[in-house]
Amino acid sequence: MIKWLQANCNKNACTCWFDSFKKWDWKECCETHDRMYMSNKTHNISKSEVDKELFNCVRKKTCWLFAGIMWIGNATFSWVAWDIYKKGK
């Protein structure tokens, strides 16, 4: 499963999600979120705090609905990436 995700979901900044919609572009939010997931400097930050930062950034660039959808997706599915990068699994 991890290999499939790596091969098929890293096509843009928002892993397994689109980077923009019509006039809205939140690619920068996803890039920051990914860097926070991968950085050893964020060991003192919880996954929920990093995901909340993504929510806030996307909300500022779009609306609460898009931000909420992305937050739900992260809360549900991104634990795999968090474990890989933070726990070394």
C-alpha atoms as a PDB file:
ATOM      1  CA  MET A   1       0.000   0.000   0.000  1.00  0.00           C
ATOM      2  CA  ILE A   2       2.800   2.437   0.888  1.00  0.00           C
ATOM      3  CA  LYS A   3       4.519   1.863  -2.467  1.00  0.00           C
ATOM      4  CA  TRP A   4       1.244   2.444  -4.324  1.00  0.00           C
ATOM      5  CA  LEU A   5       0.674   5.700  -2.432  1.00  0.00           C
ATOM      6  CA  GLN A   6       4.206   6.875  -3.169  1.00  0.00           C
ATOM      7  CA  ALA A   7       3.876   6.020  -6.861  1.00  0.00           C
ATOM      8  CA  ASN A   8       0.387   7.411  -7.416  1.00  0.00           C
ATOM      9  CA  CYS A   9      -0.232  10.165  -4.921  1.00  0.00           C
ATOM     10  CA  ASN A  10       2.864  12.331  -5.145  1.00  0.00           C
ATOM     11  CA  LYS A  11       1.981  13.898  -8.461  1.00  0.00           C
ATOM     12  CA  ASN A  12       1.398  17.337  -6.911  1.00  0.00           C
ATOM     13  CA  ALA A  13       1.925  19.193  -3.647  1.00  0.00           C
ATOM     14  CA  CYS A  14      -1.381  18.051  -2.147  1.00  0.00           C
ATOM     15  CA  THR A  15      -0.771  14.337  -1.914  1.00  0.00           C
ATOM     16  CA  CYS A  16      -3.766  12.411  -3.284  1.00  0.00           C
ATOM     17  CA  TRP A  17      -5.720  15.662  -3.635  1.00  0.00           C
ATOM     18  CA  PHE A  18      -5.837  18.536  -6.084  1.00  0.00           C
ATOM     19  CA  ASP A  19      -3.812  21.755  -5.587  1.00  0.00           C
ATOM     20  CA  SER A  20      -6.366  24.248  -6.819  1.00  0.00           C
ATOM     21  CA  PHE A  21      -9.938  24.748  -7.923  1.00  0.00           C
ATOM     22  CA  LYS A  22     -10.997  27.533 -10.277  1.00  0.00           C
ATOM     23  CA  LYS A  23      -9.670  30.790  -8.763  1.00  0.00           C
ATOM     24  CA  TRP A  24      -8.439  29.179  -5.530  1.00  0.00           C
ATOM     25  CA  ASP A  25      -4.896  27.806  -5.188  1.00  0.00           C
ATOM     26  CA  TRP A  26      -3.727  26.221  -1.940  1.00  0.00           C
ATOM     27  CA  LYS A  27      -0.599  24.450  -3.217  1.00  0.00           C
ATOM     28  CA  GLU A  28       1.584  26.501  -0.860  1.00  0.00           C
ATOM     29  CA  CYS A  29      -0.415  25.221   2.120  1.00  0.00           C
ATOM     30  CA  CYS A  30       0.163  21.611   1.069  1.00  0.00           C
ATOM     31  CA  GLU A  31       3.874  22.158   0.509  1.00  0.00           C
ATOM     32  CA  THR A  32       4.228  23.639   3.997  1.00  0.00           C
ATOM     33  CA  HIS A  33       2.182  20.792   5.474  1.00  0.00           C
ATOM     34  CA  ASP A  34       4.359  18.180   3.745  1.00  0.00           C
ATOM     35  CA  ARG A  35       7.557  19.878   4.946  1.00  0.00           C
ATOM     36  CA  MET A  36       6.211  19.881   8.498  1.00  0.00           C
ATOM     37  CA  TYR A  37       5.416  16.173   8.237  1.00  0.00           C
ATOM     38  CA  MET A  38       8.880  15.343   6.907  1.00  0.00           C
ATOM     39  CA  SER A  39      10.963  17.676   9.058  1.00  0.00           C
ATOM     40  CA  ASN A  40      12.763  16.429  12.129  1.00  0.00           C
ATOM     41  CA  LYS A  41      12.439  19.965  13.503  1.00  0.00           C
ATOM     42  CA  THR A  42       8.733  19.432  14.194  1.00  0.00           C
ATOM     43  CA  HIS A  43       9.071  16.522  16.628  1.00  0.00           C
ATOM     44  CA  ASN A  44       7.575  18.683  19.359  1.00  0.00           C
ATOM     45  CA  ILE A  45       4.476  19.417  17.273  1.00  0.00           C
ATOM     46  CA  SER A  46       1.647  16.911  17.223  1.00  0.00           C
ATOM     47  CA  LYS A  47       0.033  15.610  14.052  1.00  0.00           C
ATOM     48  CA  SER A  48      -3.207  17.369  14.970  1.00  0.00           C
ATOM     49  CA  GLU A  49      -1.375  20.696  15.296  1.00  0.00           C
ATOM     50  CA  VAL A  50       0.255  20.276  11.867  1.00  0.00           C
ATOM     51  CA  ASP A  51      -3.106  19.333  10.319  1.00  0.00           C
ATOM     52  CA  LYS A  52      -4.720  22.354  12.007  1.00  0.00           C
ATOM     53  CA  GLU A  53      -2.099  24.589  10.354  1.00  0.00           C
ATOM     54  CA  LEU A  54      -3.108  23.120   6.977  1.00  0.00           C
ATOM     55  CA  PHE A  55      -6.769  23.773   7.768  1.00  0.00           C
ATOM     56  CA  ASN A  56      -6.078  27.399   8.702  1.00  0.00           C
ATOM     57  CA  CYS A  57      -3.951  28.029   5.621  1.00  0.00           C
ATOM     58  CA  VAL A  58      -6.479  26.480   3.220  1.00  0.00           C
ATOM     59  CA  ARG A  59      -9.326  28.345   4.940  1.00  0.00           C
ATOM     60  CA  LYS A  60      -7.516  31.656   4.391  1.00  0.00           C
ATOM     61  CA  LYS A  61      -6.918  30.875   0.708  1.00  0.00           C
ATOM     62  CA  THR A  62     -10.335  29.348  -0.040  1.00  0.00           C
ATOM     63  CA  CYS A  63     -13.210  28.793   2.387  1.00  0.00           C
ATOM     64  CA  TRP A  64     -14.049  26.763   5.464  1.00  0.00           C
ATOM     65  CA  LEU A  65     -15.704  24.025   3.359  1.00  0.00           C
ATOM     66  CA  PHE A  66     -12.557  23.188   1.375  1.00  0.00           C
ATOM     67  CA  ALA A  67     -10.475  23.476   4.537  1.00  0.00           C
ATOM     68  CA  GLY A  68     -12.845  21.144   6.385  1.00  0.00           C
ATOM     69  CA  ILE A  69     -12.778  18.533   3.633  1.00  0.00           C
ATOM     70  CA  MET A  70      -8.981  18.563   3.632  1.00  0.00           C
ATOM     71  CA  TRP A  71      -8.869  18.390   7.434  1.00  0.00           C
ATOM     72  CA  ILE A  72     -11.163  15.338   7.455  1.00  0.00           C
ATOM     73  CA  GLY A  73      -9.006  13.655   4.800  1.00  0.00           C
ATOM     74  CA  ASN A  74      -5.850  14.325   6.776  1.00  0.00           C
ATOM     75  CA  ALA A  75      -7.367  13.225  10.066  1.00  0.00           C
ATOM     76  CA  THR A  76      -8.495   9.992   8.415  1.00  0.00           C
ATOM     77  CA  PHE A  77      -5.679   9.013   6.061  1.00  0.00           C
ATOM     78  CA  SER A  78      -2.430  10.871   6.732  1.00  0.00           C
ATOM     79  CA  TRP A  79      -1.493   8.883   9.830  1.00  0.00           C
ATOM     80  CA  VAL A  80       0.462   6.548   7.511  1.00  0.00           C
ATOM     81  CA  ALA A  81       2.750   9.369   6.351  1.00  0.00           C
ATOM     82  CA  TRP A  82       3.040  10.738   9.894  1.00  0.00           C
ATOM     83  CA  ASP A  83       4.164   7.335  11.194  1.00  0.00           C
ATOM     84  CA  ILE A  84       6.679   6.939   8.386  1.00  0.00           C
ATOM     85  CA  TYR A  85       8.291  10.324   8.892  1.00  0.00           C
ATOM     86  CA  LYS A  86       7.977  10.767  12.647  1.00  0.00           C
ATOM     87  CA  LYS A  87       8.223   7.292  14.066  1.00  0.00           C
ATOM     88  CA  GLY A  88      10.562   5.796  11.487  1.00  0.00           C
ATOM     89  CA  LYS A  89       8.238   2.926  10.614  1.00  0.00           C
END
